C-alpha cells in the first residue's frame, strides 16, 4: 500500500505567480536574443560554407559539428566555468545566452544550408545575367525564398531556445523562470506545485510561439 499523505498547497504556490511571470519575461528575452544572434551567425556560417576559401569552410564546419554533436549543457559549462579557469569571468546570464546562441547557430546553419540548396541555381544565374550584383541576388532572390523554406524550422528552434533557457540554473541564474521556481522550491519544498506551474508557463509560451508562427505564415505565405 502507498502511504500518500502529501497535501497540495496551490494557494501558496500561486502567490509566487507574479515573480514567476517576471522570470518568464527574462526567459523570453534570452530566447529571442539567442535566436536573433544565432540567425545572424548562422547566415554567416552558411555563406562561409559556400566560400572557396578552405579556412572559412573549415571554420563553419567545425562550428556546426561541435554545436550539433555536444550537449548544450557542456557548452554553457565551458563558457561559464571553463573561461573562468583562464581568468575570463562572465555572468550566468551571458554564459546562458552565448551557449544557446552557439547551439542555435549550429543547427540553423544546417537548416539554411539545406534551404539554400532548395533554391534553384538557375534563378541565381538569371539574376546575375540581368545585371544584379551578388549581394542584390542574395537579398532579393535567394534570402526571401530561403526564409520561406526554413520558416517552420526557425519556429521549432525558437521553441527549443525557450526550453533550453532552463539550463541557466546550472550556472547560478536565478531570475529566469526556472531560477525563480527553484528559489521558491528551496524555501518551501513544495516541488510539485511550483514546477507544475512553471511547466504550464513553459507550455503556454511554446504554444504562443507556435500559434504566432502559424498566423505569420498565413499572412506571409498566402500566395
N, C-alpha and C. Protein backbone atom coordinates (compact mmCIF):
# COMPACT_ATOMS: atom_id res chain seq x y z
N UNK A 1 0.83 -1.20 0.00
CA UNK A 1 0.00 0.00 0.00
C UNK A 1 0.87 1.25 0.00
N UNK A 2 0.42 2.25 -0.74
CA UNK A 2 1.13 3.52 -0.77
C UNK A 2 0.59 4.42 0.33
N UNK A 3 1.50 5.03 1.04
CA UNK A 3 1.11 5.97 2.09
C UNK A 3 1.20 7.38 1.51
N UNK A 4 0.17 7.78 0.79
CA UNK A 4 0.18 9.06 0.09
C UNK A 4 -0.53 10.09 0.95
N UNK A 5 0.23 10.85 1.70
CA UNK A 5 -0.37 11.86 2.59
C UNK A 5 0.11 13.26 2.26
N UNK A 6 0.56 13.45 1.02
CA UNK A 6 1.03 14.77 0.61
C UNK A 6 -0.15 15.72 0.46
N UNK A 7 -0.06 16.88 1.06
CA UNK A 7 -1.12 17.88 0.98
C UNK A 7 -0.71 18.98 0.01
N UNK A 8 -1.45 19.11 -1.06
CA UNK A 8 -1.16 20.15 -2.04
C UNK A 8 -1.55 21.52 -1.49
N UNK A 9 -0.68 22.50 -1.74
CA UNK A 9 -0.94 23.87 -1.30
C UNK A 9 -0.82 24.80 -2.50
N UNK A 10 -1.82 24.74 -3.35
CA UNK A 10 -1.79 25.54 -4.58
C UNK A 10 -1.92 27.02 -4.29
N UNK A 11 -2.66 27.37 -3.25
CA UNK A 11 -2.81 28.79 -2.93
C UNK A 11 -1.47 29.43 -2.59
N UNK A 12 -0.66 28.70 -1.86
CA UNK A 12 0.67 29.20 -1.51
C UNK A 12 1.54 29.35 -2.75
N UNK A 13 1.48 28.34 -3.61
CA UNK A 13 2.30 28.37 -4.82
C UNK A 13 1.86 29.48 -5.77
N UNK A 14 0.55 29.72 -5.86
CA UNK A 14 0.05 30.74 -6.78
C UNK A 14 0.44 32.15 -6.36
N UNK A 15 0.79 32.33 -5.09
CA UNK A 15 1.25 33.64 -4.64
C UNK A 15 2.58 34.02 -5.28
N UNK A 16 3.31 33.01 -5.75
CA UNK A 16 4.58 33.27 -6.41
C UNK A 16 4.42 33.54 -7.90
N UNK A 17 3.18 33.48 -8.39
CA UNK A 17 2.94 33.63 -9.83
C UNK A 17 3.47 34.95 -10.40
N UNK A 18 3.31 36.11 -9.73
CA UNK A 18 3.86 37.35 -10.29
C UNK A 18 5.37 37.28 -10.50
N UNK A 19 6.10 36.71 -9.52
CA UNK A 19 7.55 36.58 -9.68
C UNK A 19 7.90 35.59 -10.79
N UNK A 20 7.11 34.55 -10.93
CA UNK A 20 7.36 33.57 -11.99
C UNK A 20 7.07 34.16 -13.36
N UNK A 21 6.06 35.02 -13.44
CA UNK A 21 5.77 35.70 -14.71
C UNK A 21 6.91 36.66 -15.07
N UNK A 22 7.46 37.33 -14.05
CA UNK A 22 8.61 38.20 -14.30
C UNK A 22 9.80 37.37 -14.79
N UNK A 23 9.97 36.19 -14.20
CA UNK A 23 11.03 35.29 -14.68
C UNK A 23 10.78 34.82 -16.09
N UNK A 24 9.50 34.67 -16.45
CA UNK A 24 9.16 34.25 -17.82
C UNK A 24 9.60 35.30 -18.83
N UNK A 25 9.52 36.56 -18.46
CA UNK A 25 9.97 37.63 -19.36
C UNK A 25 11.47 37.53 -19.61
N UNK A 26 12.23 37.20 -18.56
CA UNK A 26 13.67 37.01 -18.73
C UNK A 26 13.94 35.82 -19.64
N UNK A 27 13.16 34.76 -19.45
CA UNK A 27 13.29 33.57 -20.30
C UNK A 27 13.02 33.91 -21.76
N UNK A 28 11.95 34.64 -22.02
CA UNK A 28 11.60 35.00 -23.40
C UNK A 28 12.65 35.93 -23.99
N UNK A 29 13.10 36.90 -23.20
CA UNK A 29 14.13 37.83 -23.68
C UNK A 29 15.40 37.09 -24.08
N UNK A 30 15.82 36.15 -23.23
CA UNK A 30 17.04 35.39 -23.52
C UNK A 30 16.88 34.56 -24.79
N UNK A 31 15.72 33.92 -24.93
CA UNK A 31 15.48 33.08 -26.11
C UNK A 31 15.44 33.92 -27.38
N UNK A 32 14.77 35.07 -27.33
CA UNK A 32 14.66 35.93 -28.51
C UNK A 32 16.04 36.44 -28.93
N UNK A 33 16.82 36.91 -27.96
CA UNK A 33 18.17 37.40 -28.29
C UNK A 33 19.04 36.28 -28.87
N UNK A 34 18.92 35.08 -28.30
CA UNK A 34 19.72 33.97 -28.80
C UNK A 34 19.33 33.61 -30.23
N UNK A 35 18.05 33.77 -30.56
CA UNK A 35 17.61 33.49 -31.93
C UNK A 35 18.08 34.56 -32.89
N UNK A 36 18.02 35.82 -32.46
CA UNK A 36 18.49 36.91 -33.33
C UNK A 36 19.97 36.75 -33.64
N UNK A 37 20.77 36.61 -32.58
CA UNK A 37 22.21 36.44 -32.78
C UNK A 37 22.51 35.14 -33.51
N UNK A 38 21.79 34.07 -33.14
CA UNK A 38 22.02 32.78 -33.77
C UNK A 38 21.71 32.79 -35.25
N UNK A 39 20.65 33.50 -35.64
CA UNK A 39 20.27 33.58 -37.06
C UNK A 39 21.31 34.34 -37.85
N UNK A 40 21.78 35.46 -37.31
CA UNK A 40 22.82 36.24 -38.00
C UNK A 40 24.09 35.42 -38.18
N UNK A 41 24.51 34.74 -37.10
CA UNK A 41 25.72 33.91 -37.18
C UNK A 41 25.51 32.75 -38.14
N UNK A 42 24.31 32.15 -38.11
CA UNK A 42 24.03 31.02 -38.99
C UNK A 42 24.09 31.43 -40.46
N UNK A 43 23.59 32.62 -40.78
CA UNK A 43 23.68 33.11 -42.16
C UNK A 43 25.13 33.29 -42.57
N UNK A 44 25.94 33.80 -41.62
CA UNK A 44 27.37 33.96 -41.91
C UNK A 44 28.05 32.61 -42.12
N UNK A 45 27.69 31.63 -41.28
CA UNK A 45 28.27 30.29 -41.41
C UNK A 45 27.85 29.65 -42.73
N UNK A 46 26.61 29.89 -43.14
CA UNK A 46 26.14 29.36 -44.42
C UNK A 46 26.93 29.96 -45.58
N UNK A 47 27.18 31.26 -45.49
CA UNK A 47 27.99 31.91 -46.54
C UNK A 47 29.41 31.36 -46.55
N UNK A 48 29.96 31.10 -45.36
CA UNK A 48 31.31 30.53 -45.29
C UNK A 48 31.35 29.14 -45.90
N UNK A 49 30.28 28.36 -45.69
CA UNK A 49 30.24 27.00 -46.24
C UNK A 49 30.24 26.98 -47.76
N UNK A 50 29.78 28.09 -48.37
CA UNK A 50 29.75 28.15 -49.83
C UNK A 50 30.97 28.89 -50.39
N UNK A 51 31.86 29.34 -49.51
CA UNK A 51 33.03 30.09 -49.95
C UNK A 51 34.08 29.15 -50.54
N UNK A 52 34.96 29.71 -51.33
CA UNK A 52 36.04 28.91 -51.91
C UNK A 52 37.21 28.73 -50.96
N UNK A 53 37.30 29.63 -49.99
CA UNK A 53 38.40 29.57 -49.03
C UNK A 53 38.22 28.36 -48.11
N UNK A 54 39.16 27.43 -48.09
CA UNK A 54 39.01 26.23 -47.25
C UNK A 54 39.02 26.55 -45.76
N UNK A 55 39.70 27.64 -45.36
CA UNK A 55 39.72 28.01 -43.95
C UNK A 55 38.33 28.43 -43.47
N UNK A 56 37.64 29.19 -44.31
CA UNK A 56 36.27 29.60 -43.96
C UNK A 56 35.34 28.40 -43.90
N UNK A 57 35.45 27.51 -44.88
CA UNK A 57 34.62 26.30 -44.87
C UNK A 57 34.93 25.44 -43.66
N UNK A 58 36.21 25.33 -43.33
CA UNK A 58 36.60 24.53 -42.17
C UNK A 58 36.08 25.12 -40.87
N UNK A 59 36.15 26.45 -40.74
CA UNK A 59 35.64 27.11 -39.53
C UNK A 59 34.14 26.87 -39.38
N UNK A 60 33.39 27.04 -40.47
CA UNK A 60 31.94 26.84 -40.42
C UNK A 60 31.60 25.39 -40.10
N UNK A 61 32.29 24.46 -40.73
CA UNK A 61 32.01 23.04 -40.50
C UNK A 61 32.32 22.65 -39.06
N UNK A 62 33.41 23.20 -38.51
CA UNK A 62 33.79 22.89 -37.13
C UNK A 62 32.75 23.42 -36.15
N UNK A 63 32.30 24.65 -36.37
CA UNK A 63 31.27 25.25 -35.51
C UNK A 63 30.01 24.38 -35.50
N UNK A 64 29.53 24.04 -36.70
CA UNK A 64 28.31 23.25 -36.82
C UNK A 64 28.48 21.88 -36.17
N UNK A 65 29.63 21.26 -36.40
CA UNK A 65 29.88 19.93 -35.87
C UNK A 65 29.88 19.93 -34.34
N UNK A 66 30.56 20.92 -33.74
CA UNK A 66 30.62 20.99 -32.28
C UNK A 66 29.24 21.30 -31.70
N UNK A 67 28.54 22.25 -32.31
CA UNK A 67 27.23 22.66 -31.80
C UNK A 67 26.22 21.51 -31.83
N UNK A 68 26.28 20.70 -32.88
CA UNK A 68 25.28 19.65 -33.07
C UNK A 68 25.64 18.33 -32.39
N UNK A 69 26.89 18.16 -32.02
CA UNK A 69 27.32 16.85 -31.51
C UNK A 69 27.84 16.89 -30.08
N UNK A 70 27.64 18.00 -29.38
CA UNK A 70 27.96 18.07 -27.95
C UNK A 70 26.75 18.63 -27.21
N UNK A 71 26.54 18.23 -25.96
CA UNK A 71 25.37 18.71 -25.22
C UNK A 71 25.42 20.22 -25.00
N UNK A 72 24.28 20.87 -25.10
CA UNK A 72 24.20 22.31 -24.85
C UNK A 72 24.65 22.63 -23.42
N UNK A 73 24.37 21.71 -22.49
CA UNK A 73 24.79 21.91 -21.10
C UNK A 73 26.30 22.04 -21.01
N UNK A 74 27.04 21.22 -21.74
CA UNK A 74 28.50 21.29 -21.72
C UNK A 74 28.98 22.62 -22.29
N UNK A 75 28.32 23.07 -23.33
CA UNK A 75 28.72 24.34 -23.97
C UNK A 75 28.55 25.49 -22.99
N UNK A 76 27.46 25.49 -22.23
CA UNK A 76 27.23 26.54 -21.24
C UNK A 76 28.23 26.42 -20.09
N UNK A 77 28.52 25.19 -19.68
CA UNK A 77 29.51 24.95 -18.62
C UNK A 77 30.88 25.49 -19.01
N UNK A 78 31.28 25.21 -20.24
CA UNK A 78 32.60 25.65 -20.69
C UNK A 78 32.67 27.17 -20.70
N UNK A 79 31.60 27.82 -21.15
CA UNK A 79 31.59 29.28 -21.20
C UNK A 79 31.63 29.89 -19.80
N UNK A 80 30.97 29.26 -18.85
CA UNK A 80 30.89 29.84 -17.51
C UNK A 80 32.07 29.42 -16.62
N UNK A 81 32.30 28.11 -16.53
CA UNK A 81 33.38 27.63 -15.67
C UNK A 81 34.71 27.52 -16.40
N UNK A 82 34.67 27.08 -17.67
CA UNK A 82 35.91 26.90 -18.42
C UNK A 82 36.65 28.19 -18.65
N UNK A 83 35.92 29.23 -19.09
CA UNK A 83 36.59 30.52 -19.31
C UNK A 83 37.12 31.09 -18.01
N UNK A 84 36.45 30.78 -16.90
CA UNK A 84 36.91 31.25 -15.60
C UNK A 84 38.28 30.72 -15.26
N UNK A 85 38.61 29.52 -15.75
CA UNK A 85 39.93 28.94 -15.50
C UNK A 85 41.03 29.75 -16.15
N UNK A 86 40.68 30.52 -17.19
CA UNK A 86 41.64 31.37 -17.88
C UNK A 86 41.54 32.82 -17.45
N UNK A 87 40.81 33.06 -16.37
CA UNK A 87 40.67 34.41 -15.85
C UNK A 87 39.61 35.24 -16.54
N UNK A 88 38.80 34.60 -17.40
CA UNK A 88 37.72 35.32 -18.09
C UNK A 88 36.40 34.96 -17.42
N UNK A 89 35.89 35.87 -16.63
CA UNK A 89 34.68 35.59 -15.87
C UNK A 89 33.49 36.30 -16.50
N UNK A 90 32.45 35.54 -16.80
CA UNK A 90 31.23 36.09 -17.39
C UNK A 90 30.06 35.79 -16.47
N UNK A 91 29.00 36.56 -16.63
CA UNK A 91 27.82 36.36 -15.78
C UNK A 91 27.08 35.09 -16.19
N UNK A 92 26.23 34.63 -15.30
CA UNK A 92 25.44 33.43 -15.59
C UNK A 92 24.56 33.65 -16.81
N UNK A 93 23.95 34.84 -16.86
CA UNK A 93 23.05 35.13 -17.98
C UNK A 93 23.81 35.18 -19.31
N UNK A 94 24.99 35.78 -19.29
CA UNK A 94 25.77 35.87 -20.54
C UNK A 94 26.20 34.48 -20.99
N UNK A 95 26.62 33.64 -20.04
CA UNK A 95 27.03 32.27 -20.40
C UNK A 95 25.87 31.50 -21.00
N UNK A 96 24.67 31.67 -20.43
CA UNK A 96 23.49 31.00 -20.96
C UNK A 96 23.17 31.52 -22.36
N UNK A 97 23.16 32.84 -22.52
CA UNK A 97 22.84 33.43 -23.82
C UNK A 97 23.85 33.00 -24.87
N UNK A 98 25.13 33.06 -24.53
CA UNK A 98 26.17 32.68 -25.50
C UNK A 98 26.08 31.20 -25.85
N UNK A 99 25.79 30.36 -24.85
CA UNK A 99 25.70 28.93 -25.10
C UNK A 99 24.54 28.58 -26.01
N UNK A 100 23.37 29.18 -25.74
CA UNK A 100 22.21 28.90 -26.59
C UNK A 100 22.42 29.48 -27.98
N UNK A 101 23.03 30.66 -28.06
CA UNK A 101 23.32 31.26 -29.37
C UNK A 101 24.24 30.38 -30.18
N UNK A 102 25.29 29.86 -29.54
CA UNK A 102 26.23 28.96 -30.21
C UNK A 102 25.49 27.73 -30.74
N UNK A 103 24.62 27.18 -29.92
CA UNK A 103 23.88 25.99 -30.31
C UNK A 103 22.90 26.30 -31.43
N UNK A 104 22.15 27.40 -31.28
CA UNK A 104 21.20 27.78 -32.31
C UNK A 104 21.87 28.00 -33.66
N UNK A 105 23.01 28.68 -33.63
CA UNK A 105 23.72 28.99 -34.88
C UNK A 105 24.12 27.71 -35.61
N UNK A 106 24.55 26.70 -34.86
CA UNK A 106 24.96 25.45 -35.48
C UNK A 106 23.80 24.74 -36.17
N UNK A 107 22.67 24.65 -35.47
CA UNK A 107 21.51 23.97 -36.05
C UNK A 107 20.90 24.78 -37.19
N UNK A 108 20.80 26.09 -37.00
CA UNK A 108 20.20 26.92 -38.04
C UNK A 108 21.07 26.98 -39.29
N UNK A 109 22.37 26.91 -39.12
CA UNK A 109 23.26 26.92 -40.28
C UNK A 109 22.99 25.72 -41.18
N UNK A 110 22.72 24.56 -40.57
CA UNK A 110 22.39 23.39 -41.36
C UNK A 110 21.03 23.53 -42.03
N UNK A 111 20.08 24.15 -41.32
CA UNK A 111 18.77 24.41 -41.94
C UNK A 111 18.90 25.35 -43.13
N UNK A 112 19.71 26.39 -42.95
CA UNK A 112 19.91 27.35 -44.03
C UNK A 112 20.63 26.70 -45.21
N UNK A 113 21.58 25.84 -44.90
CA UNK A 113 22.32 25.17 -45.97
C UNK A 113 21.38 24.30 -46.80
N UNK A 114 20.50 23.57 -46.11
CA UNK A 114 19.52 22.76 -46.83
C UNK A 114 18.53 23.62 -47.61
N UNK A 115 18.11 24.75 -47.01
CA UNK A 115 17.20 25.64 -47.69
C UNK A 115 17.83 26.29 -48.90
N UNK A 116 19.12 26.60 -48.77
CA UNK A 116 19.83 27.23 -49.89
C UNK A 116 19.91 26.29 -51.08
N UNK A 117 20.08 25.00 -50.81
CA UNK A 117 20.14 24.02 -51.90
C UNK A 117 18.78 23.85 -52.58
N UNK A 118 17.71 24.20 -51.85
CA UNK A 118 16.37 24.07 -52.43
C UNK A 118 16.03 25.22 -53.38
N UNK A 119 16.82 26.30 -53.32
CA UNK A 119 16.60 27.42 -54.24
C UNK A 119 17.27 27.07 -55.57
N UNK A 120 16.52 27.04 -56.68
CA UNK A 120 17.11 26.65 -57.97
C UNK A 120 18.29 27.54 -58.36
N UNK A 121 19.38 26.92 -58.73
CA UNK A 121 20.58 27.67 -59.12
C UNK A 121 20.32 28.49 -60.37
N UNK A 122 19.36 28.06 -61.19
CA UNK A 122 19.05 28.81 -62.42
C UNK A 122 18.52 30.21 -62.10
N UNK A 123 17.86 30.36 -60.95
CA UNK A 123 17.37 31.68 -60.57
C UNK A 123 18.53 32.62 -60.25
N UNK A 124 19.55 32.08 -59.61
CA UNK A 124 20.72 32.89 -59.29
C UNK A 124 21.43 33.31 -60.58
N UNK A 125 21.58 32.36 -61.50
CA UNK A 125 22.23 32.68 -62.77
C UNK A 125 21.43 33.70 -63.56
N UNK A 126 20.09 33.57 -63.54
CA UNK A 126 19.24 34.51 -64.25
C UNK A 126 19.36 35.91 -63.66
N UNK A 127 19.40 36.00 -62.33
CA UNK A 127 19.53 37.30 -61.68
C UNK A 127 20.87 37.97 -62.02
N UNK A 128 21.92 37.17 -62.04
CA UNK A 128 23.24 37.73 -62.37
C UNK A 128 23.29 38.16 -63.83
N UNK A 129 22.60 37.40 -64.69
CA UNK A 129 22.61 37.75 -66.12
C UNK A 129 21.83 39.03 -66.38
N UNK A 130 20.92 39.39 -65.45
CA UNK A 130 20.17 40.63 -65.59
C UNK A 130 20.93 41.83 -65.02
N UNK A 131 22.11 41.59 -64.54
CA UNK A 131 22.95 42.69 -64.07
C UNK A 131 22.94 42.88 -62.56
N UNK A 132 22.28 41.99 -61.82
CA UNK A 132 22.28 42.11 -60.36
C UNK A 132 23.65 41.72 -59.80
N UNK A 133 24.05 42.42 -58.76
CA UNK A 133 25.27 42.03 -58.07
C UNK A 133 25.00 40.80 -57.22
N UNK A 134 26.07 40.20 -56.70
CA UNK A 134 25.89 39.02 -55.84
C UNK A 134 25.06 39.37 -54.61
N UNK A 135 25.32 40.56 -54.03
CA UNK A 135 24.57 40.98 -52.84
C UNK A 135 23.10 41.16 -53.17
N UNK A 136 22.80 41.82 -54.29
CA UNK A 136 21.40 42.01 -54.70
C UNK A 136 20.71 40.69 -54.98
N UNK A 137 21.44 39.78 -55.59
CA UNK A 137 20.86 38.47 -55.92
C UNK A 137 20.45 37.74 -54.65
N UNK A 138 21.32 37.74 -53.67
CA UNK A 138 21.00 37.03 -52.44
C UNK A 138 19.92 37.76 -51.64
N UNK A 139 19.96 39.10 -51.63
CA UNK A 139 18.99 39.86 -50.86
C UNK A 139 17.59 39.80 -51.46
N UNK A 140 17.49 39.85 -52.77
CA UNK A 140 16.19 39.95 -53.43
C UNK A 140 15.65 38.61 -53.94
N UNK A 141 16.53 37.69 -54.24
CA UNK A 141 16.11 36.42 -54.84
C UNK A 141 16.25 35.24 -53.88
N UNK A 142 17.44 35.09 -53.31
CA UNK A 142 17.74 33.89 -52.53
C UNK A 142 17.16 33.96 -51.12
N UNK A 143 17.48 35.03 -50.38
CA UNK A 143 17.08 35.11 -48.97
C UNK A 143 15.57 35.03 -48.78
N UNK A 144 14.73 35.75 -49.57
CA UNK A 144 13.27 35.61 -49.38
C UNK A 144 12.78 34.18 -49.53
N UNK A 145 13.32 33.45 -50.52
CA UNK A 145 12.91 32.05 -50.69
C UNK A 145 13.48 31.18 -49.58
N UNK A 146 14.70 31.47 -49.16
CA UNK A 146 15.34 30.71 -48.10
C UNK A 146 14.55 30.83 -46.81
N UNK A 147 14.14 32.04 -46.45
CA UNK A 147 13.40 32.25 -45.21
C UNK A 147 12.05 31.54 -45.25
N UNK A 148 11.45 31.49 -46.43
CA UNK A 148 10.18 30.77 -46.55
C UNK A 148 10.38 29.27 -46.32
N UNK A 149 11.46 28.73 -46.83
CA UNK A 149 11.73 27.30 -46.70
C UNK A 149 12.03 26.93 -45.25
N UNK A 150 12.79 27.80 -44.56
CA UNK A 150 13.25 27.46 -43.20
C UNK A 150 12.36 28.08 -42.13
N UNK A 151 11.21 28.63 -42.51
CA UNK A 151 10.38 29.33 -41.53
C UNK A 151 9.95 28.41 -40.39
N UNK A 152 9.45 27.23 -40.72
CA UNK A 152 8.98 26.33 -39.66
C UNK A 152 10.13 25.74 -38.83
N UNK A 153 11.27 25.38 -39.45
CA UNK A 153 12.41 25.01 -38.61
C UNK A 153 12.85 26.13 -37.68
N UNK A 154 12.75 27.38 -38.13
CA UNK A 154 13.06 28.51 -37.25
C UNK A 154 12.10 28.56 -36.06
N UNK A 155 10.83 28.28 -36.33
CA UNK A 155 9.85 28.25 -35.25
C UNK A 155 10.18 27.17 -34.23
N UNK A 156 10.51 25.99 -34.72
CA UNK A 156 10.88 24.89 -33.81
C UNK A 156 12.11 25.25 -33.00
N UNK A 157 13.07 25.91 -33.62
CA UNK A 157 14.30 26.27 -32.92
C UNK A 157 14.01 27.33 -31.86
N UNK A 158 13.05 28.21 -32.14
CA UNK A 158 12.67 29.22 -31.14
C UNK A 158 12.07 28.56 -29.91
N UNK A 159 11.21 27.58 -30.13
CA UNK A 159 10.64 26.84 -29.00
C UNK A 159 11.75 26.13 -28.23
N UNK A 160 12.67 25.52 -28.97
CA UNK A 160 13.79 24.82 -28.33
C UNK A 160 14.65 25.79 -27.52
N UNK A 161 14.84 27.02 -28.04
CA UNK A 161 15.63 28.02 -27.33
C UNK A 161 14.96 28.39 -26.01
N UNK A 162 13.65 28.53 -26.02
CA UNK A 162 12.93 28.84 -24.79
C UNK A 162 13.13 27.73 -23.75
N UNK A 163 13.02 26.49 -24.19
CA UNK A 163 13.18 25.37 -23.27
C UNK A 163 14.62 25.25 -22.78
N UNK A 164 15.58 25.58 -23.64
CA UNK A 164 16.99 25.48 -23.23
C UNK A 164 17.38 26.52 -22.20
N UNK A 165 16.62 27.61 -22.09
CA UNK A 165 16.97 28.62 -21.08
C UNK A 165 16.92 28.05 -19.67
N UNK A 166 16.18 26.96 -19.50
CA UNK A 166 16.11 26.33 -18.17
C UNK A 166 17.47 25.84 -17.70
N UNK A 167 18.42 25.66 -18.63
CA UNK A 167 19.76 25.21 -18.26
C UNK A 167 20.54 26.28 -17.49
N UNK A 168 20.03 27.51 -17.50
CA UNK A 168 20.72 28.57 -16.77
C UNK A 168 20.85 28.30 -15.29
N UNK A 169 19.99 27.45 -14.77
CA UNK A 169 20.03 27.17 -13.34
C UNK A 169 21.33 26.48 -12.92
N UNK A 170 21.95 25.75 -13.85
CA UNK A 170 23.17 25.00 -13.50
C UNK A 170 24.38 25.93 -13.37
N UNK A 171 24.26 27.17 -13.86
CA UNK A 171 25.36 28.13 -13.69
C UNK A 171 24.94 29.28 -12.79
N UNK A 172 23.88 29.05 -12.01
CA UNK A 172 23.50 30.00 -10.97
C UNK A 172 22.56 31.10 -11.38
N UNK A 173 21.96 31.01 -12.56
CA UNK A 173 20.99 32.03 -12.96
C UNK A 173 19.72 31.86 -12.14
N UNK A 174 19.29 32.92 -11.47
CA UNK A 174 18.15 32.78 -10.56
C UNK A 174 17.00 33.75 -10.85
N UNK A 175 17.06 34.47 -11.98
CA UNK A 175 15.97 35.41 -12.26
C UNK A 175 15.15 35.04 -13.49
N UNK A 176 15.43 33.89 -14.09
CA UNK A 176 14.57 33.42 -15.17
C UNK A 176 13.49 32.53 -14.57
N UNK A 177 12.64 31.95 -15.41
CA UNK A 177 11.51 31.18 -14.89
C UNK A 177 11.96 30.00 -14.05
N UNK A 178 12.91 29.22 -14.56
CA UNK A 178 13.38 28.06 -13.79
C UNK A 178 14.10 28.49 -12.52
N UNK A 179 14.90 29.56 -12.61
CA UNK A 179 15.63 30.05 -11.44
C UNK A 179 14.70 30.53 -10.34
N UNK A 180 13.67 31.28 -10.71
CA UNK A 180 12.69 31.75 -9.73
C UNK A 180 11.95 30.58 -9.12
N UNK A 181 11.59 29.62 -9.95
CA UNK A 181 10.87 28.44 -9.46
C UNK A 181 11.71 27.67 -8.45
N UNK A 182 12.97 27.47 -8.78
CA UNK A 182 13.86 26.74 -7.86
C UNK A 182 14.07 27.50 -6.55
N UNK A 183 14.13 28.82 -6.62
CA UNK A 183 14.30 29.62 -5.41
C UNK A 183 13.13 29.41 -4.46
N UNK A 184 11.91 29.41 -4.98
CA UNK A 184 10.75 29.16 -4.14
C UNK A 184 10.72 27.71 -3.66
N UNK A 185 11.16 26.81 -4.51
CA UNK A 185 11.18 25.39 -4.12
C UNK A 185 12.13 25.16 -2.94
N UNK A 186 13.29 25.81 -2.98
CA UNK A 186 14.26 25.66 -1.89
C UNK A 186 13.71 26.20 -0.58
N UNK A 187 12.95 27.28 -0.67
CA UNK A 187 12.42 27.91 0.54
C UNK A 187 11.25 27.13 1.14
N UNK A 188 10.44 26.50 0.29
CA UNK A 188 9.19 25.89 0.77
C UNK A 188 9.11 24.37 0.61
N UNK A 189 9.97 23.81 -0.26
CA UNK A 189 9.95 22.37 -0.56
C UNK A 189 8.61 21.93 -1.15
N UNK A 190 7.89 22.85 -1.78
CA UNK A 190 6.66 22.49 -2.48
C UNK A 190 7.01 22.26 -3.95
N UNK A 191 7.80 21.22 -4.19
CA UNK A 191 8.38 20.99 -5.52
C UNK A 191 7.32 20.80 -6.59
N UNK A 192 6.34 19.94 -6.30
CA UNK A 192 5.35 19.61 -7.33
C UNK A 192 4.57 20.85 -7.75
N UNK A 193 4.10 21.63 -6.77
CA UNK A 193 3.26 22.78 -7.09
C UNK A 193 4.00 23.81 -7.94
N UNK A 194 5.19 24.17 -7.49
CA UNK A 194 5.93 25.23 -8.19
C UNK A 194 6.35 24.79 -9.59
N UNK A 195 6.88 23.59 -9.70
CA UNK A 195 7.35 23.16 -11.01
C UNK A 195 6.20 22.79 -11.93
N UNK A 196 5.06 22.43 -11.39
CA UNK A 196 3.88 22.21 -12.23
C UNK A 196 3.43 23.53 -12.84
N UNK A 197 3.42 24.60 -12.03
CA UNK A 197 3.06 25.92 -12.54
C UNK A 197 4.08 26.37 -13.58
N UNK A 198 5.37 26.14 -13.30
CA UNK A 198 6.42 26.52 -14.26
C UNK A 198 6.26 25.76 -15.57
N UNK A 199 5.92 24.47 -15.47
CA UNK A 199 5.71 23.67 -16.68
C UNK A 199 4.57 24.22 -17.51
N UNK A 200 3.50 24.63 -16.84
CA UNK A 200 2.36 25.22 -17.56
C UNK A 200 2.78 26.51 -18.26
N UNK A 201 3.59 27.33 -17.58
CA UNK A 201 4.04 28.59 -18.18
C UNK A 201 4.93 28.33 -19.40
N UNK A 202 5.84 27.35 -19.29
CA UNK A 202 6.66 26.99 -20.44
C UNK A 202 5.78 26.50 -21.59
N UNK A 203 4.79 25.71 -21.26
CA UNK A 203 3.88 25.18 -22.29
C UNK A 203 3.14 26.32 -22.98
N UNK A 204 2.65 27.26 -22.21
CA UNK A 204 1.91 28.38 -22.79
C UNK A 204 2.82 29.26 -23.67
N UNK A 205 4.05 29.46 -23.23
CA UNK A 205 4.99 30.24 -24.04
C UNK A 205 5.25 29.53 -25.37
N UNK A 206 5.48 28.22 -25.30
CA UNK A 206 5.75 27.45 -26.52
C UNK A 206 4.54 27.48 -27.45
N UNK A 207 3.35 27.30 -26.90
CA UNK A 207 2.15 27.32 -27.72
C UNK A 207 1.92 28.69 -28.35
N UNK A 208 2.22 29.73 -27.59
CA UNK A 208 2.08 31.09 -28.11
C UNK A 208 3.00 31.30 -29.31
N UNK A 209 4.23 30.80 -29.22
CA UNK A 209 5.19 30.91 -30.33
C UNK A 209 4.66 30.18 -31.56
N UNK A 210 4.14 28.97 -31.35
CA UNK A 210 3.64 28.16 -32.47
C UNK A 210 2.44 28.82 -33.13
N UNK A 211 1.49 29.29 -32.31
CA UNK A 211 0.30 29.94 -32.87
C UNK A 211 0.69 31.23 -33.60
N UNK A 212 1.58 32.01 -33.01
CA UNK A 212 2.04 33.24 -33.66
C UNK A 212 2.71 32.93 -34.99
N UNK A 213 3.53 31.88 -35.01
CA UNK A 213 4.21 31.49 -36.25
C UNK A 213 3.21 31.08 -37.32
N UNK A 214 2.16 30.37 -36.93
CA UNK A 214 1.15 29.95 -37.91
C UNK A 214 0.41 31.15 -38.48
N UNK A 215 0.10 32.12 -37.63
CA UNK A 215 -0.56 33.34 -38.10
C UNK A 215 0.35 34.12 -39.05
N UNK A 216 1.65 34.19 -38.69
CA UNK A 216 2.60 34.88 -39.55
C UNK A 216 2.74 34.16 -40.89
N UNK A 217 2.77 32.83 -40.84
CA UNK A 217 2.88 32.05 -42.07
C UNK A 217 1.67 32.27 -42.97
N UNK A 218 0.49 32.32 -42.37
CA UNK A 218 -0.74 32.56 -43.14
C UNK A 218 -0.70 33.93 -43.79
N UNK A 219 -0.16 34.90 -43.04
CA UNK A 219 -0.11 36.27 -43.57
C UNK A 219 0.98 36.43 -44.63
N UNK A 220 2.14 35.78 -44.41
CA UNK A 220 3.28 35.98 -45.30
C UNK A 220 3.23 35.08 -46.54
N UNK A 221 2.70 33.87 -46.38
CA UNK A 221 2.80 32.87 -47.44
C UNK A 221 1.44 32.49 -48.00
N UNK A 222 0.52 33.42 -48.04
CA UNK A 222 -0.81 33.11 -48.57
C UNK A 222 -0.78 32.83 -50.06
N UNK A 223 0.16 33.46 -50.76
CA UNK A 223 0.16 33.34 -52.21
C UNK A 223 1.33 32.49 -52.69
